[in-house]
PDB file of N, CA and C in Angstrom:
ATOM      1  N   MET A   1       9.495   0.887  15.863  1.00  0.00           N
ATOM      2  CA  MET A   1       9.473  -0.158  14.686  1.00  0.00           C
ATOM      3  C   MET A   1      10.920  -0.822  14.632  1.00  0.00           C
ATOM      4  N   ALA A   2      11.955  -0.091  14.774  1.00  0.00           N
ATOM      5  CA  ALA A   2      13.297  -0.437  14.465  1.00  0.00           C
ATOM      6  C   ALA A   2      13.643  -1.499  15.469  1.00  0.00           C
ATOM      7  N   GLU A   3      13.171  -1.301  16.800  1.00  0.00           N
ATOM      8  CA  GLU A   3      13.696  -2.126  17.771  1.00  0.00           C
ATOM      9  C   GLU A   3      12.810  -3.552  17.643  1.00  0.00           C
ATOM     10  N   ILE A   4      11.580  -3.558  17.145  1.00  0.00           N
ATOM     11  CA  ILE A   4      10.986  -4.851  16.810  1.00  0.00           C
ATOM     12  C   ILE A   4      11.619  -5.556  15.862  1.00  0.00           C
ATOM     13  N   LEU A   5      12.088  -5.042  14.820  1.00  0.00           N
ATOM     14  CA  LEU A   5      12.727  -5.474  13.646  1.00  0.00           C
ATOM     15  C   LEU A   5      14.048  -6.100  14.155  1.00  0.00           C
ATOM     16  N   ALA A   6      14.785  -5.393  14.936  1.00  0.00           N
ATOM     17  CA  ALA A   6      16.066  -5.875  15.609  1.00  0.00           C
ATOM     18  C   ALA A   6      15.828  -6.994  16.581  1.00  0.00           C
ATOM     19  N   LEU A   7      14.732  -7.267  17.274  1.00  0.00           N
ATOM     20  CA  LEU A   7      14.348  -8.446  17.978  1.00  0.00           C
ATOM     21  C   LEU A   7      14.122  -9.721  17.191  1.00  0.00           C
ATOM     22  N   VAL A   8      13.383  -9.293  16.115  1.00  0.00           N
ATOM     23  CA  VAL A   8      13.015 -10.396  15.103  1.00  0.00           C
ATOM     24  C   VAL A   8      14.354 -10.995  14.462  1.00  0.00           C
ATOM     25  N   GLU A   9      15.151  -9.989  13.955  1.00  0.00           N
ATOM     26  CA  GLU A   9      16.202 -10.544  13.424  1.00  0.00           C
ATOM     27  C   GLU A   9      17.163 -11.412  14.155  1.00  0.00           C
ATOM     28  N   ALA A  10      17.261 -10.814  15.515  1.00  0.00           N
ATOM     29  CA  ALA A  10      18.067 -11.656  16.430  1.00  0.00           C
ATOM     30  C   ALA A  10      17.527 -12.843  16.788  1.00  0.00           C
ATOM     31  N   ARG A  11      16.050 -13.221  16.709  1.00  0.00           N
ATOM     32  CA  ARG A  11      15.553 -14.409  16.870  1.00  0.00           C
ATOM     33  C   ARG A  11      15.635 -15.433  15.722  1.00  0.00           C
ATOM     34  N   LEU A  12      15.744 -14.680  14.506  1.00  0.00           N
ATOM     35  CA  LEU A  12      16.004 -15.606  13.171  1.00  0.00           C
ATOM     36  C   LEU A  12      17.382 -16.148  13.418  1.00  0.00           C
ATOM     37  N   ARG A  13      18.428 -15.075  13.908  1.00  0.00           N
ATOM     38  CA  ARG A  13      19.798 -15.490  13.846  1.00  0.00           C
ATOM     39  C   ARG A  13      20.029 -16.507  14.941  1.00  0.00           C
ATOM     40  N   SER A  14      19.298 -16.503  15.872  1.00  0.00           N
ATOM     41  CA  SER A  14      19.576 -17.515  17.106  1.00  0.00           C
ATOM     42  C   SER A  14      18.848 -18.939  16.586  1.00  0.00           C
ATOM     43  N   ALA A  15      17.857 -18.816  15.756  1.00  0.00           N
ATOM     44  CA  ALA A  15      17.291 -20.088  15.238  1.00  0.00           C
ATOM     45  C   ALA A  15      18.084 -20.700  14.016  1.00  0.00           C
ATOM     46  N   PHE A  16      18.288 -19.859  13.179  1.00  0.00           N
ATOM     47  CA  PHE A  16      19.018 -20.434  11.944  1.00  0.00           C
ATOM     48  C   PHE A  16      20.429 -20.045  11.719  1.00  0.00           C
ATOM     49  N   GLY A  17      21.077 -19.164  12.405  1.00  0.00           N
ATOM     50  CA  GLY A  17      22.430 -18.898  12.239  1.00  0.00           C
ATOM     51  C   GLY A  17      22.801 -17.530  11.486  1.00  0.00           C
ATOM     52  N   GLU A  18      23.742 -17.336  11.155  1.00  0.00           N
ATOM     53  CA  GLU A  18      24.058 -16.056  10.561  1.00  0.00           C
ATOM     54  C   GLU A  18      23.412 -16.184   8.980  1.00  0.00           C
ATOM     55  N   PRO A  19      22.697 -15.198   8.521  1.00  0.00           N
ATOM     56  CA  PRO A  19      22.348 -15.328   7.078  1.00  0.00           C
ATOM     57  C   PRO A  19      23.710 -15.214   6.119  1.00  0.00           C
ATOM     58  N   ASP A  20      23.409 -15.896   5.100  1.00  0.00           N
ATOM     59  CA  ASP A  20      24.659 -15.821   4.092  1.00  0.00           C
ATOM     60  C   ASP A  20      24.310 -14.897   2.944  1.00  0.00           C
ATOM     61  N   ALA A  21      22.994 -14.413   2.760  1.00  0.00           N
ATOM     62  CA  ALA A  21      22.735 -13.383   1.830  1.00  0.00           C
ATOM     63  C   ALA A  21      21.529 -12.634   2.369  1.00  0.00           C
ATOM     64  N   ARG A  22      21.173 -11.493   1.816  1.00  0.00           N
ATOM     65  CA  ARG A  22      19.904 -10.735   2.073  1.00  0.00           C
ATOM     66  C   ARG A  22      19.579  -9.645   0.935  1.00  0.00           C
ATOM     67  N   ALA A  23      18.358  -9.554   0.702  1.00  0.00           N
ATOM     68  CA  ALA A  23      17.908  -8.636  -0.380  1.00  0.00           C
ATOM     69  C   ALA A  23      16.813  -7.947   0.265  1.00  0.00           C
ATOM     70  N   ALA A  24      16.645  -6.692  -0.350  1.00  0.00           N
ATOM     71  CA  ALA A  24      15.557  -5.853   0.174  1.00  0.00           C
ATOM     72  C   ALA A  24      14.475  -5.546  -1.087  1.00  0.00           C
ATOM     73  N   VAL A  25      13.327  -5.616  -0.820  1.00  0.00           N
ATOM     74  CA  VAL A  25      12.379  -5.134  -1.702  1.00  0.00           C
ATOM     75  C   VAL A  25      11.601  -3.972  -1.300  1.00  0.00           C
ATOM     76  N   THR A  26      11.195  -2.742  -2.034  1.00  0.00           N
ATOM     77  CA  THR A  26      10.211  -2.058  -1.648  1.00  0.00           C
ATOM     78  C   THR A  26       9.016  -1.894  -2.652  1.00  0.00           C
ATOM     79  N   PHE A  27       8.057  -1.678  -2.281  1.00  0.00           N
ATOM     80  CA  PHE A  27       6.781  -1.585  -3.070  1.00  0.00           C
ATOM     81  C   PHE A  27       6.250  -0.088  -2.759  1.00  0.00           C
ATOM     82  N   LEU A  28       5.692   0.418  -3.857  1.00  0.00           N
ATOM     83  CA  LEU A  28       4.943   1.772  -3.621  1.00  0.00           C
ATOM     84  C   LEU A  28       4.003   1.763  -2.370  1.00  0.00           C
ATOM     85  N   GLY A  29       4.248   2.612  -1.492  1.00  0.00           N
ATOM     86  CA  GLY A  29       3.232   2.666  -0.359  1.00  0.00           C
ATOM     87  C   GLY A  29       3.485   1.782   0.780  1.00  0.00           C
ATOM     88  N   THR A  30       4.481   1.066   0.771  1.00  0.00           N
ATOM     89  CA  THR A  30       4.894   0.200   1.865  1.00  0.00           C
ATOM     90  C   THR A  30       6.247   0.200   2.256  1.00  0.00           C
ATOM     91  N   ASP A  31       6.434  -0.142   3.472  1.00  0.00           N
ATOM     92  CA  ASP A  31       7.859  -0.217   4.012  1.00  0.00           C
ATOM     93  C   ASP A  31       8.672  -1.175   3.483  1.00  0.00           C
ATOM     94  N   ARG A  32      10.002  -1.097   3.429  1.00  0.00           N
ATOM     95  CA  ARG A  32      10.874  -1.991   2.885  1.00  0.00           C
ATOM     96  C   ARG A  32      10.782  -3.441   3.540  1.00  0.00           C
ATOM     97  N   ILE A  33      10.886  -4.378   2.781  1.00  0.00           N
ATOM     98  CA  ILE A  33      10.899  -5.879   3.254  1.00  0.00           C
ATOM     99  C   ILE A  33      12.265  -6.363   2.911  1.00  0.00           C
ATOM    100  N   GLU A  34      12.769  -6.921   3.667  1.00  0.00           N
ATOM    101  CA  GLU A  34      14.115  -7.763   3.467  1.00  0.00           C
ATOM    102  C   GLU A  34      13.948  -9.145   3.521  1.00  0.00           C
ATOM    103  N   VAL A  35      14.514  -9.914   2.600  1.00  0.00           N
ATOM    104  CA  VAL A  35      14.376 -11.484   2.764  1.00  0.00           C
ATOM    105  C   VAL A  35      15.847 -11.789   2.997  1.00  0.00           C
ATOM    106  N   LEU A  36      15.917 -12.674   4.150  1.00  0.00           N
ATOM    107  CA  LEU A  36      17.307 -13.181   4.671  1.00  0.00           C
ATOM    108  C   LEU A  36      17.432 -14.692   4.167  1.00  0.00           C
ATOM    109  N   ARG A  37      18.655 -15.114   3.683  1.00  0.00           N
ATOM    110  CA  ARG A  37      18.673 -16.544   3.404  1.00  0.00           C
ATOM    111  C   ARG A  37      19.602 -17.057   4.359  1.00  0.00           C
ATOM    112  N   PHE A  38      19.336 -18.362   4.794  1.00  0.00           N
ATOM    113  CA  PHE A  38      20.216 -19.018   5.570  1.00  0.00           C
ATOM    114  C   PHE A  38      20.289 -20.276   4.987  1.00  0.00           C
ATOM    115  N   ALA A  39      21.646 -20.707   4.737  1.00  0.00           N
ATOM    116  CA  ALA A  39      21.919 -22.038   4.162  1.00  0.00           C
ATOM    117  C   ALA A  39      22.504 -23.036   5.252  1.00  0.00           C
ATOM    118  N   GLU A  40      21.928 -24.244   5.298  1.00  0.00           N
ATOM    119  CA  GLU A  40      22.439 -25.219   6.324  1.00  0.00           C
ATOM    120  C   GLU A  40      22.331 -26.559   5.436  1.00  0.00           C
ATOM    121  N   GLY A  41      23.313 -26.944   5.034  1.00  0.00           N
ATOM    122  CA  GLY A  41      23.594 -28.333   4.339  1.00  0.00           C
ATOM    123  C   GLY A  41      22.893 -28.180   3.088  1.00  0.00           C
ATOM    124  N   ASP A  42      21.986 -29.094   2.906  1.00  0.00           N
ATOM    125  CA  ASP A  42      21.116 -28.971   1.477  1.00  0.00           C
ATOM    126  C   ASP A  42      19.978 -28.149   1.727  1.00  0.00           C
ATOM    127  N   LEU A  43      19.537 -27.671   2.880  1.00  0.00           N
ATOM    128  CA  LEU A  43      18.431 -26.929   2.994  1.00  0.00           C
ATOM    129  C   LEU A  43      18.742 -25.343   3.093  1.00  0.00           C
ATOM    130  N   VAL A  44      17.966 -24.681   2.272  1.00  0.00           N
ATOM    131  CA  VAL A  44      17.992 -23.268   2.329  1.00  0.00           C
ATOM    132  C   VAL A  44      16.681 -22.615   2.917  1.00  0.00           C
ATOM    133  N   ARG A  45      16.944 -21.626   3.683  1.00  0.00           N
ATOM    134  CA  ARG A  45      15.692 -21.132   4.342  1.00  0.00           C
ATOM    135  C   ARG A  45      15.530 -19.595   3.827  1.00  0.00           C
ATOM    136  N   TYR A  46      14.439 -19.069   3.535  1.00  0.00           N
ATOM    137  CA  TYR A  46      14.338 -17.725   3.357  1.00  0.00           C
ATOM    138  C   TYR A  46      13.344 -17.221   4.418  1.00  0.00           C
ATOM    139  N   ALA A  47      13.605 -16.047   4.972  1.00  0.00           N
ATOM    140  CA  ALA A  47      12.910 -15.468   5.952  1.00  0.00           C
ATOM    141  C   ALA A  47      12.551 -14.032   5.841  1.00  0.00           C
ATOM    142  N   THR A  48      11.308 -13.480   5.699  1.00  0.00           N
ATOM    143  CA  THR A  48      11.255 -12.139   5.596  1.00  0.00           C
ATOM    144  C   THR A  48      11.556 -11.468   6.853  1.00  0.00           C
ATOM    145  N   LEU A  49      11.793 -10.152   6.709  1.00  0.00           N
ATOM    146  CA  LEU A  49      12.114  -9.260   7.810  1.00  0.00           C
ATOM    147  C   LEU A  49      11.593  -7.968   7.459  1.00  0.00           C
ATOM    148  N   GLY A  50      10.447  -7.540   8.232  1.00  0.00           N
ATOM    149  CA  GLY A  50       9.799  -6.074   7.901  1.00  0.00           C
ATOM    150  C   GLY A  50       8.275  -6.197   8.169  1.00  0.00           C
ATOM    151  N   MET A  51       7.768  -7.303   7.812  1.00  0.00           N
ATOM    152  CA  MET A  51       6.396  -7.382   7.864  1.00  0.00           C
ATOM    153  C   MET A  51       5.804  -7.122   9.358  1.00  0.00           C
ATOM    154  N   SER A  52       6.550  -7.533  10.346  1.00  0.00           N
ATOM    155  CA  SER A  52       6.278  -7.459  11.787  1.00  0.00           C
ATOM    156  C   SER A  52       6.510  -6.249  12.348  1.00  0.00           C
ATOM    157  N   ALA A  53       7.081  -5.170  11.724  1.00  0.00           N
ATOM    158  CA  ALA A  53       7.200  -3.706  12.120  1.00  0.00           C
ATOM    159  C   ALA A  53       5.915  -3.206  12.545  1.00  0.00           C
ATOM    160  N   HIS A  54       4.711  -3.671  11.959  1.00  0.00           N
ATOM    161  CA  HIS A  54       3.527  -3.175  12.157  1.00  0.00           C
ATOM    162  C   HIS A  54       2.549  -4.245  12.528  1.00  0.00           C
ATOM    163  N   PRO A  55       1.783  -4.070  13.562  1.00  0.00           N
ATOM    164  CA  PRO A  55       0.730  -5.158  14.023  1.00  0.00           C
ATOM    165  C   PRO A  55      -0.504  -5.249  12.926  1.00  0.00           C
ATOM    166  N   MET A  56      -0.791  -6.533  12.845  1.00  0.00           N
ATOM    167  CA  MET A  56      -2.089  -6.932  12.003  1.00  0.00           C
ATOM    168  C   MET A  56      -3.156  -6.253  12.695  1.00  0.00           C
ATOM    169  N   THR A  57      -4.301  -6.184  12.150  1.00  0.00           N
ATOM    170  CA  THR A  57      -5.428  -5.599  12.811  1.00  0.00           C
ATOM    171  C   THR A  57      -6.581  -6.424  12.489  1.00  0.00           C
ATOM    172  N   ASP A  58      -7.584  -6.354  13.380  1.00  0.00           N
ATOM    173  CA  ASP A  58      -8.881  -7.066  13.191  1.00  0.00           C
ATOM    174  C   ASP A  58      -9.546  -6.132  12.199  1.00  0.00           C
ATOM    175  N   PRO A  59     -10.108  -6.884  11.157  1.00  0.00           N
ATOM    176  CA  PRO A  59     -10.705  -6.018  10.136  1.00  0.00           C
ATOM    177  C   PRO A  59     -11.896  -5.177  10.558  1.00  0.00           C
ATOM    178  N   THR A  60     -12.489  -5.574  11.638  1.00  0.00           N
ATOM    179  CA  THR A  60     -13.648  -4.622  12.180  1.00  0.00           C
ATOM    180  C   THR A  60     -13.152  -3.618  13.175  1.00  0.00           C
ATOM    181  N   ALA A  61     -12.047  -3.615  13.649  1.00  0.00           N
ATOM    182  CA  ALA A  61     -11.264  -2.736  14.558  1.00  0.00           C
ATOM    183  C   ALA A  61     -11.225  -1.307  13.750  1.00  0.00           C
ATOM    184  N   VAL A  62     -11.297  -0.166  14.359  1.00  0.00           N
ATOM    185  CA  VAL A  62     -11.220   1.150  13.839  1.00  0.00           C
ATOM    186  C   VAL A  62      -9.754   1.448  13.754  1.00  0.00           C
ATOM    187  N   VAL A  63      -8.845   1.084  14.792  1.00  0.00           N
ATOM    188  CA  VAL A  63      -7.464   1.446  14.978  1.00  0.00           C
ATOM    189  C   VAL A  63      -6.759   0.061  15.391  1.00  0.00           C
ATOM    190  N   ALA A  64      -5.486   0.042  14.836  1.00  0.00           N
ATOM    191  CA  ALA A  64      -4.682  -0.995  15.205  1.00  0.00           C
ATOM    192  C   ALA A  64      -4.050  -0.855  16.574  1.00  0.00           C
ATOM    193  N   ASP A  65      -3.912  -1.888  17.318  1.00  0.00           N
ATOM    194  CA  ASP A  65      -3.610  -1.745  18.602  1.00  0.00           C
ATOM    195  C   ASP A  65      -1.932  -1.898  18.347  1.00  0.00           C
ATOM    196  N   PRO A  66      -1.005  -0.882  18.648  1.00  0.00           N
ATOM    197  CA  PRO A  66       0.403  -0.933  18.317  1.00  0.00           C
ATOM    198  C   PRO A  66       1.155  -1.771  19.272  1.00  0.00           C
ATOM    199  N   VAL A  67       0.607  -2.107  20.384  1.00  0.00           N
ATOM    200  CA  VAL A  67       1.296  -2.947  21.219  1.00  0.00           C
ATOM    201  C   VAL A  67       0.918  -4.548  21.195  1.00  0.00           C
ATOM    202  N   ARG A  68      -0.396  -4.684  21.218  1.00  0.00           N
ATOM    203  CA  ARG A  68      -0.972  -6.017  21.692  1.00  0.00           C
ATOM    204  C   ARG A  68      -1.319  -6.717  20.112  1.00  0.00           C
ATOM    205  N   GLY A  69      -1.316  -6.081  19.083  1.00  0.00           N
ATOM    206  CA  GLY A  69      -1.709  -6.684  17.613  1.00  0.00           C
ATOM    207  C   GLY A  69      -0.659  -7.667  17.380  1.00  0.00           C
ATOM    208  N   PRO A  70      -1.048  -8.776  16.810  1.00  0.00           N
ATOM    209  CA  PRO A  70      -0.328  -9.823  16.375  1.00  0.00           C
ATOM    210  C   PRO A  70       0.619  -9.501  15.069  1.00  0.00           C
ATOM    211  N   ARG A  71       1.807 -10.062  15.039  1.00  0.00           N
ATOM    212  CA  ARG A  71       2.771  -9.711  14.120  1.00  0.00           C
ATOM    213  C   ARG A  71       3.268 -10.933  13.452  1.00  0.00           C
ATOM    214  N   ALA A  72       3.754 -10.965  12.234  1.00  0.00           N
ATOM    215  CA  ALA A  72       4.231 -12.169  11.451  1.00  0.00           C
ATOM    216  C   ALA A  72       5.217 -11.787  10.489  1.00  0.00           C
ATOM    217  N   GLU A  73       6.098 -12.958  10.394  1.00  0.00           N
ATOM    218  CA  GLU A  73       6.907 -12.976   9.331  1.00  0.00           C
ATOM    219  C   GLU A  73       6.811 -14.323   8.406  1.00  0.00           C
ATOM    220  N   LEU A  74       7.207 -14.418   7.526  1.00  0.00           N
ATOM    221  CA  LEU A  74       7.207 -15.772   6.577  1.00  0.00           C
ATOM    222  C   LEU A  74       8.673 -16.429   6.537  1.00  0.00           C
ATOM    223  N   VAL A  75       8.613 -17.719   6.614  1.00  0.00           N
ATOM    224  CA  VAL A  75       9.864 -18.599   6.500  1.00  0.00           C
ATOM    225  C   VAL A  75       9.563 -19.699   5.653  1.00  0.00           C
ATOM    226  N   LEU A  76      10.427 -19.800   4.800  1.00  0.00           N
ATOM    227  CA  LEU A  76      10.205 -20.953   3.495  1.00  0.00           C
ATOM    228  C   LEU A  76      11.423 -21.664   3.427  1.00  0.00           C
ATOM    229  N   THR A  77      11.297 -22.941   3.590  1.00  0.00           N
ATOM    230  CA  THR A  77      12.517 -23.985   3.499  1.00  0.00           C
ATOM    231  C   THR A  77      12.180 -24.737   2.416  1.00  0.00           C
ATOM    232  N   VAL A  78      13.534 -24.620   1.558  1.00  0.00           N
ATOM    233  CA  VAL A  78      13.519 -25.607   0.343  1.00  0.00           C
ATOM    234  C   VAL A  78      14.862 -26.333   0.300  1.00  0.00           C
ATOM    235  N   ARG A  79      14.759 -27.085  -0.571  1.00  0.00           N
ATOM    236  CA  ARG A  79      16.293 -27.984  -0.683  1.00  0.00           C
ATOM    237  C   ARG A  79      16.954 -27.257  -1.871  1.00  0.00           C
ATOM    238  N   GLY A  80      18.154 -27.050  -1.343  1.00  0.00           N
ATOM    239  CA  GLY A  80      18.992 -26.207  -2.545  1.00  0.00           C
ATOM    240  C   GLY A  80      19.599 -27.194  -3.541  1.00  0.00           C
ATOM    241  N   GLY A  81      19.960 -26.397  -4.682  1.00  0.00           N
ATOM    242  CA  GLY A  81      20.310 -27.267  -5.852  1.00  0.00           C
ATOM    243  C   GLY A  81      19.450 -27.876  -6.869  1.00  0.00           C
ATOM    244  N   LEU A  82      18.058 -27.973  -6.415  1.00  0.00           N
ATOM    245  CA  LEU A  82      17.214 -28.754  -7.238  1.00  0.00           C
ATOM    246  C   LEU A  82      16.495 -27.774  -8.310  1.00  0.00           C
ATOM    247  N   ALA A  83      16.517 -26.426  -7.942  1.00  0.00           N
ATOM    248  CA  ALA A  83      15.970 -25.379  -8.713  1.00  0.00           C
ATOM    249  C   ALA A  83      16.697 -23.973  -8.430  1.00  0.00           C
ATOM    250  N   ALA A  84      16.195 -23.023  -9.230  1.00  0.00           N
ATOM    251  CA  ALA A  84      16.792 -21.625  -9.054  1.00  0.00           C
ATOM    252  C   ALA A  84      16.052 -21.008  -7.866  1.00  0.00           C
ATOM    253  N   THR A  85      16.476 -21.515  -6.604  1.00  0.00           N
ATOM    254  CA  THR A  85      15.708 -20.993  -5.476  1.00  0.00           C
ATOM    255  C   THR A  85      15.900 -19.419  -5.236  1.00  0.00           C
ATOM    256  N   ASP A  86      16.960 -18.723  -5.761  1.00  0.00           N
ATOM    257  CA  ASP A  86      17.167 -17.367  -5.431  1.00  0.00           C
ATOM    258  C   ASP A  86      15.979 -16.550  -6.240  1.00  0.00           C
ATOM    259  N   LYS A  87      15.153 -17.017  -6.996  1.00  0.00           N
ATOM    260  CA  LYS A  87      14.190 -16.390  -7.801  1.00  0.00           C
ATOM    261  C   LYS A  87      12.918 -16.455  -6.571  1.00  0.00           C
ATOM    262  N   LEU A  88      12.985 -16.838  -5.744  1.00  0.00           N
ATOM    263  CA  LEU A  88      12.036 -16.990  -4.576  1.00  0.00           C
ATOM    264  C   LEU A  88      11.724 -15.617  -3.907  1.00  0.00           C
ATOM    265  N   LEU A  89      12.922 -14.771  -4.019  1.00  0.00           N
ATOM    266  CA  LEU A  89      13.118 -13.480  -3.110  1.00  0.00           C
ATOM    267  C   LEU A  89      11.756 -12.630  -3.274  1.00  0.00           C
ATOM    268  N   ARG A  90      11.818 -12.331  -4.596  1.00  0.00           N
ATOM    269  CA  ARG A  90      10.641 -11.160  -4.754  1.00  0.00           C
ATOM    270  C   ARG A  90       9.283 -11.679  -4.533  1.00  0.00           C
ATOM    271  N   PRO A  91       8.899 -13.106  -5.025  1.00  0.00           N
ATOM    272  CA  PRO A  91       7.513 -13.593  -4.622  1.00  0.00           C
ATOM    273  C   PRO A  91       7.302 -13.724  -2.995  1.00  0.00           C
ATOM    274  N   LEU A  92       8.287 -14.006  -2.323  1.00  0.00           N
ATOM    275  CA  LEU A  92       8.142 -14.238  -0.899  1.00  0.00           C
ATOM    276  C   LEU A  92       7.863 -12.836  -0.328  1.00  0.00           C
ATOM    277  N   ALA A  93       8.605 -11.856  -0.906  1.00  0.00           N
ATOM    278  CA  ALA A  93       8.230 -10.496  -0.162  1.00  0.00           C
ATOM    279  C   ALA A  93       7.068 -10.011  -0.582  1.00  0.00           C
ATOM    280  N   VAL A  94       6.421 -10.447  -1.779  1.00  0.00           N
ATOM    281  CA  VAL A  94       5.218  -9.995  -2.340  1.00  0.00           C
ATOM    282  C   VAL A  94       4.058 -10.497  -1.212  1.00  0.00           C
ATOM    283  N   LEU A  95       4.162 -11.680  -0.828  1.00  0.00           N
ATOM    284  CA  LEU A  95       3.307 -12.418   0.102  1.00  0.00           C
ATOM    285  C   LEU A  95       3.186 -11.574   1.293  1.00  0.00           C
TER     286      LEU A  95
END
Protein backbone atom coordinates (compact mmCIF):
# COMPACT_ATOMS: atom_id res chain seq x y z
CA MET A 1 0.00 0.00 0.00
CA ALA A 2 2.70 2.51 0.96
CA GLU A 3 4.62 1.88 -2.26
CA ILE A 4 1.51 2.58 -4.36
CA LEU A 5 0.89 5.86 -2.55
CA ALA A 6 4.54 6.85 -3.00
CA LEU A 7 4.22 6.24 -6.75
CA VAL A 8 0.98 8.24 -6.91
CA GLU A 9 2.52 11.14 -4.98
CA ALA A 10 5.59 11.11 -7.24
CA ARG A 11 3.32 11.28 -10.28
CA LEU A 12 1.33 14.17 -8.81
CA ARG A 13 4.57 16.04 -8.07
CA SER A 14 5.86 15.47 -11.60
CA ALA A 15 2.60 16.78 -13.07
CA PHE A 16 1.90 19.72 -10.73
CA GLY A 17 5.16 20.49 -8.88
CA GLU A 18 5.68 20.56 -5.14
CA PRO A 19 2.53 20.84 -3.01
CA ASP A 20 2.35 24.04 -0.98
CA ALA A 21 0.00 22.52 1.61
CA ARG A 22 -1.42 19.18 2.67
CA ALA A 23 -4.10 18.08 5.07
CA ALA A 24 -5.19 14.67 6.28
CA VAL A 25 -8.68 13.44 6.98
CA THR A 26 -9.58 10.18 8.71
CA PHE A 27 -13.05 8.74 8.84
CA LEU A 28 -14.13 5.94 11.14
CA GLY A 29 -13.47 2.60 9.47
CA THR A 30 -11.34 3.98 6.62
CA ASP A 31 -7.70 4.66 5.94
CA ARG A 32 -6.31 8.18 6.09
CA ILE A 33 -6.93 10.35 3.02
CA GLU A 34 -4.62 13.27 2.37
CA VAL A 35 -5.46 16.26 0.23
CA LEU A 36 -2.52 17.99 -1.43
CA ARG A 37 -2.74 21.58 -2.64
CA PHE A 38 -0.77 22.77 -5.65
CA ALA A 39 -0.87 26.49 -6.50
CA GLU A 40 0.20 27.66 -9.94
CA GLY A 41 -0.54 31.26 -10.85
CA ASP A 42 -4.23 31.90 -10.26
CA LEU A 43 -5.07 28.18 -10.42
CA VAL A 44 -5.22 26.02 -7.31
CA ARG A 45 -5.33 22.25 -7.65
CA TYR A 46 -6.42 19.91 -4.90
CA ALA A 47 -5.56 16.22 -5.27
CA THR A 48 -6.47 13.36 -2.97
CA LEU A 49 -3.83 10.86 -1.92
CA GLY A 50 -4.89 7.62 -0.29
CA MET A 51 -7.89 6.34 -2.21
CA SER A 52 -5.67 4.46 -4.66
CA ALA A 53 -4.12 2.40 -1.86
CA HIS A 54 -6.81 -0.25 -2.40
CA PRO A 55 -8.22 -1.34 -5.74
CA MET A 56 -11.83 -0.79 -6.63
CA THR A 57 -13.84 -3.95 -7.14
CA ASP A 58 -16.47 -5.21 -9.46
CA PRO A 59 -19.66 -5.23 -7.36
CA THR A 60 -20.36 -8.78 -8.53
CA ALA A 61 -16.86 -10.06 -7.63
CA VAL A 62 -16.41 -12.00 -4.41
CA VAL A 63 -12.86 -10.72 -3.78
CA ALA A 64 -10.98 -7.64 -5.02
CA ASP A 65 -7.96 -8.31 -7.20
CA PRO A 66 -5.14 -6.56 -5.28
CA VAL A 67 -2.98 -6.22 -8.40
CA ARG A 68 -5.25 -5.62 -11.38
CA GLY A 69 -8.10 -3.69 -9.83
CA PRO A 70 -8.50 -0.10 -11.03
CA ARG A 71 -7.35 2.65 -8.67
CA ALA A 72 -8.37 6.31 -8.58
CA GLU A 73 -7.63 9.66 -6.98
CA LEU A 74 -9.55 12.93 -7.42
CA VAL A 75 -8.12 16.20 -8.75
CA LEU A 76 -10.07 19.45 -8.56
CA THR A 77 -8.85 22.67 -10.18
CA VAL A 78 -10.30 26.04 -9.15
CA ARG A 79 -9.38 29.67 -9.62
CA GLY A 80 -7.79 31.05 -6.48
CA GLY A 81 -8.94 34.26 -4.84
CA LEU A 82 -12.58 34.06 -5.93
CA ALA A 83 -13.86 32.06 -2.96
CA ALA A 84 -12.66 30.37 0.22
CA THR A 85 -11.22 27.41 -1.67
CA ASP A 86 -9.52 25.91 1.39
CA LYS A 87 -12.97 24.85 2.57
CA LEU A 88 -12.87 22.21 -0.17
CA LEU A 89 -10.44 19.90 1.67
CA ARG A 90 -12.91 17.90 3.72
CA PRO A 91 -15.66 17.60 1.07
CA LEU A 92 -13.10 16.44 -1.48
CA ALA A 93 -11.80 13.78 0.92
CA VAL A 94 -15.38 12.66 1.59
CA LEU A 95 -15.96 12.05 -2.11
